[in-house]
Amino acid sequence: MTSLPNEVLRLVNDPRASKTIATRSPEGRMHTIYMGSLMATSPDEMIFAHILMKRTQKNLEDMKFKGELVSVSVTLESASYEIMAAVGDYLTSGAKVDLMADVLRKAGVMERVEHLGMKLLGVWVLLPREVWDQRPGPQAGTRIA
């Protein structure tokens, strides 16, 4: 188990940060999507919303079964980190789903989602395993946790 360092935790929870998640299909094809809902509920756990994901959803299910790690990139200005994470539970009810719905509603996202005829289907849990510094400079590519 790896905990997110404080500076990474703050960046993950910064709504201005660009966040992507890269998964792998069972055939080995990489797939990367923007993941604006990603947030850390603690230094040891991140969650994100399942609203429209199709390939990512299938890839996450397969990667969880195989015990493979996803790659999460979080960047804002010159701060940039890669978080390698284990795929945790997929939740369709409970406190974490309620938290995500509340955060998305307060940000005005749920209104847009519902206007498009979609809804929050569930929440994926990610468990950090490695954290890599990707900021420009001599420390780039260094594992920090």
Protein backbone atom coordinates (compact mmCIF):
# COMPACT_ATOMS: atom_id res chain seq x y z
CA MET A 1 0.00 0.00 0.00
CA THR A 2 1.24 3.48 -0.91
CA SER A 3 -0.14 6.74 0.41
CA LEU A 4 -0.31 9.87 -1.72
CA PRO A 5 2.16 12.53 -0.56
CA ASN A 6 0.45 15.74 0.58
CA GLU A 7 1.36 17.74 -2.55
CA VAL A 8 -0.07 14.97 -4.77
CA LEU A 9 -3.18 14.66 -2.61
CA ARG A 10 -3.81 18.41 -2.94
CA LEU A 11 -3.33 18.25 -6.71
CA VAL A 12 -5.70 15.28 -7.12
CA ASN A 13 -8.36 17.25 -5.24
CA ASP A 14 -7.77 20.50 -7.14
CA PRO A 15 -10.68 20.98 -9.60
CA ARG A 16 -8.38 22.98 -11.91
CA ALA A 17 -6.03 20.01 -12.43
CA SER A 18 -6.16 17.93 -15.60
CA LYS A 19 -6.69 14.26 -14.74
CA THR A 20 -6.51 11.28 -17.07
CA ILE A 21 -6.67 7.54 -16.57
CA ALA A 22 -5.04 4.99 -18.84
CA THR A 23 -6.32 1.43 -18.95
CA ARG A 24 -5.45 -1.62 -21.04
CA SER A 25 -7.88 -3.84 -22.94
CA PRO A 26 -7.65 -7.63 -22.64
CA GLU A 27 -5.94 -7.55 -26.07
CA GLY A 28 -3.29 -5.13 -24.78
CA ARG A 29 -4.57 -1.90 -26.39
CA MET A 30 -4.07 1.22 -24.30
CA HIS A 31 -7.04 3.54 -23.76
CA THR A 32 -6.81 6.96 -22.07
CA ILE A 33 -9.66 9.26 -21.07
CA TYR A 34 -10.06 12.54 -19.23
CA MET A 35 -11.36 11.90 -15.71
CA GLY A 36 -12.53 15.21 -14.24
CA SER A 37 -14.39 13.58 -11.35
CA LEU A 38 -11.26 11.96 -9.90
CA MET A 39 -10.71 12.85 -6.25
CA ALA A 40 -8.90 11.46 -3.25
CA THR A 41 -11.05 10.50 -0.29
CA SER A 42 -7.87 9.89 1.73
CA PRO A 43 -4.13 9.51 1.02
CA ASP A 44 -4.83 5.80 0.44
CA GLU A 45 -7.86 5.97 -1.86
CA MET A 46 -9.15 7.78 -4.93
CA ILE A 47 -12.59 7.57 -6.50
CA PHE A 48 -14.13 8.64 -9.78
CA ALA A 49 -17.56 8.62 -11.38
CA HIS A 50 -18.86 6.15 -13.94
CA ILE A 51 -21.21 8.14 -16.15
CA LEU A 52 -20.48 7.37 -19.77
CA MET A 53 -17.45 5.06 -19.77
CA LYS A 54 -17.73 2.11 -22.11
CA ARG A 55 -14.27 0.80 -23.02
CA THR A 56 -12.79 2.08 -19.77
CA GLN A 57 -15.47 0.28 -17.74
CA LYS A 58 -14.72 -3.03 -19.48
CA ASN A 59 -10.98 -2.49 -19.15
CA LEU A 60 -11.27 -1.70 -15.44
CA GLU A 61 -13.27 -4.87 -14.82
CA ASP A 62 -10.65 -6.95 -16.64
CA MET A 63 -7.69 -5.20 -14.99
CA LYS A 64 -9.22 -5.68 -11.54
CA PHE A 65 -9.66 -9.39 -12.23
CA LYS A 66 -6.03 -9.68 -13.43
CA GLY A 67 -4.61 -7.48 -10.65
CA GLU A 68 -3.15 -4.99 -13.15
CA LEU A 69 -2.43 -1.35 -12.32
CA VAL A 70 -3.97 1.66 -14.07
CA SER A 71 -2.01 4.83 -14.73
CA VAL A 72 -3.46 8.13 -13.54
CA SER A 73 -1.89 11.41 -14.66
CA VAL A 74 -2.59 14.58 -12.69
CA THR A 75 -1.22 17.89 -13.97
CA LEU A 76 -1.64 21.57 -13.19
CA GLU A 77 0.81 24.10 -14.61
CA SER A 78 4.28 22.68 -13.90
CA ALA A 79 3.10 20.20 -11.24
CA SER A 80 2.67 16.74 -12.73
CA TYR A 81 2.50 13.26 -11.21
CA GLU A 82 1.73 9.75 -12.35
CA ILE A 83 -0.10 7.51 -9.91
CA MET A 84 -0.05 3.78 -10.56
CA ALA A 85 -3.10 2.34 -8.82
CA ALA A 86 -4.79 -0.97 -8.20
CA VAL A 87 -8.40 -1.18 -9.29
CA GLY A 88 -10.59 -1.45 -6.22
CA ASP A 89 -14.31 -1.92 -5.84
CA TYR A 90 -17.01 -0.72 -8.18
CA LEU A 91 -19.80 0.77 -6.07
CA THR A 92 -23.39 1.53 -7.11
CA SER A 93 -24.66 2.71 -3.73
CA GLY A 94 -23.40 3.88 -0.38
CA ALA A 95 -21.46 6.75 1.14
CA LYS A 96 -18.88 7.10 -1.65
CA VAL A 97 -21.54 7.19 -4.37
CA ASP A 98 -23.48 9.75 -2.33
CA LEU A 99 -20.30 11.82 -1.87
CA MET A 100 -19.57 11.74 -5.61
CA ALA A 101 -23.15 12.71 -6.49
CA ASP A 102 -22.97 15.62 -4.04
CA VAL A 103 -19.62 16.87 -5.38
CA LEU A 104 -20.83 16.63 -8.98
CA ARG A 105 -24.10 18.35 -8.13
CA LYS A 106 -22.32 21.24 -6.35
CA ALA A 107 -19.99 21.64 -9.35
CA GLY A 108 -22.95 21.83 -11.73
CA VAL A 109 -21.93 18.63 -13.51
CA MET A 110 -25.00 16.58 -12.64
CA GLU A 111 -27.31 19.14 -14.19
CA ARG A 112 -25.44 18.88 -17.50
CA VAL A 113 -25.26 15.09 -17.27
CA GLU A 114 -28.99 14.76 -16.60
CA HIS A 115 -29.78 17.24 -19.38
CA LEU A 116 -28.03 14.81 -21.76
CA GLY A 117 -30.15 11.91 -20.47
CA MET A 118 -27.33 10.30 -18.51
CA LYS A 119 -26.81 9.59 -14.82
CA LEU A 120 -24.21 8.60 -12.29
CA LEU A 121 -24.08 4.80 -12.67
CA GLY A 122 -21.45 4.09 -10.04
CA VAL A 123 -18.09 4.94 -8.57
CA TRP A 124 -14.76 3.19 -9.07
CA VAL A 125 -12.24 3.02 -6.24
CA LEU A 126 -8.51 3.20 -6.99
CA LEU A 127 -5.79 2.28 -4.49
CA PRO A 128 -2.41 4.03 -5.01
CA ARG A 129 0.57 1.69 -5.38
CA GLU A 130 3.29 3.97 -6.83
CA VAL A 131 3.64 7.73 -7.27
CA TRP A 132 6.06 9.20 -9.83
CA ASP A 133 7.20 12.81 -10.14
CA GLN A 134 6.67 13.99 -13.72
CA ARG A 135 7.46 17.69 -13.23
CA PRO A 136 9.95 19.22 -15.67
CA GLY A 137 13.45 19.11 -14.23
CA PRO A 138 16.09 16.68 -12.99
CA GLN A 139 13.62 14.92 -10.66
CA ALA A 140 11.33 13.92 -13.56
CA GLY A 141 10.73 10.19 -13.66
CA THR A 142 11.60 9.71 -9.99
CA ARG A 143 9.43 7.52 -7.81
CA ILE A 144 8.38 9.51 -4.74
CA ALA A 145 6.08 7.01 -3.02
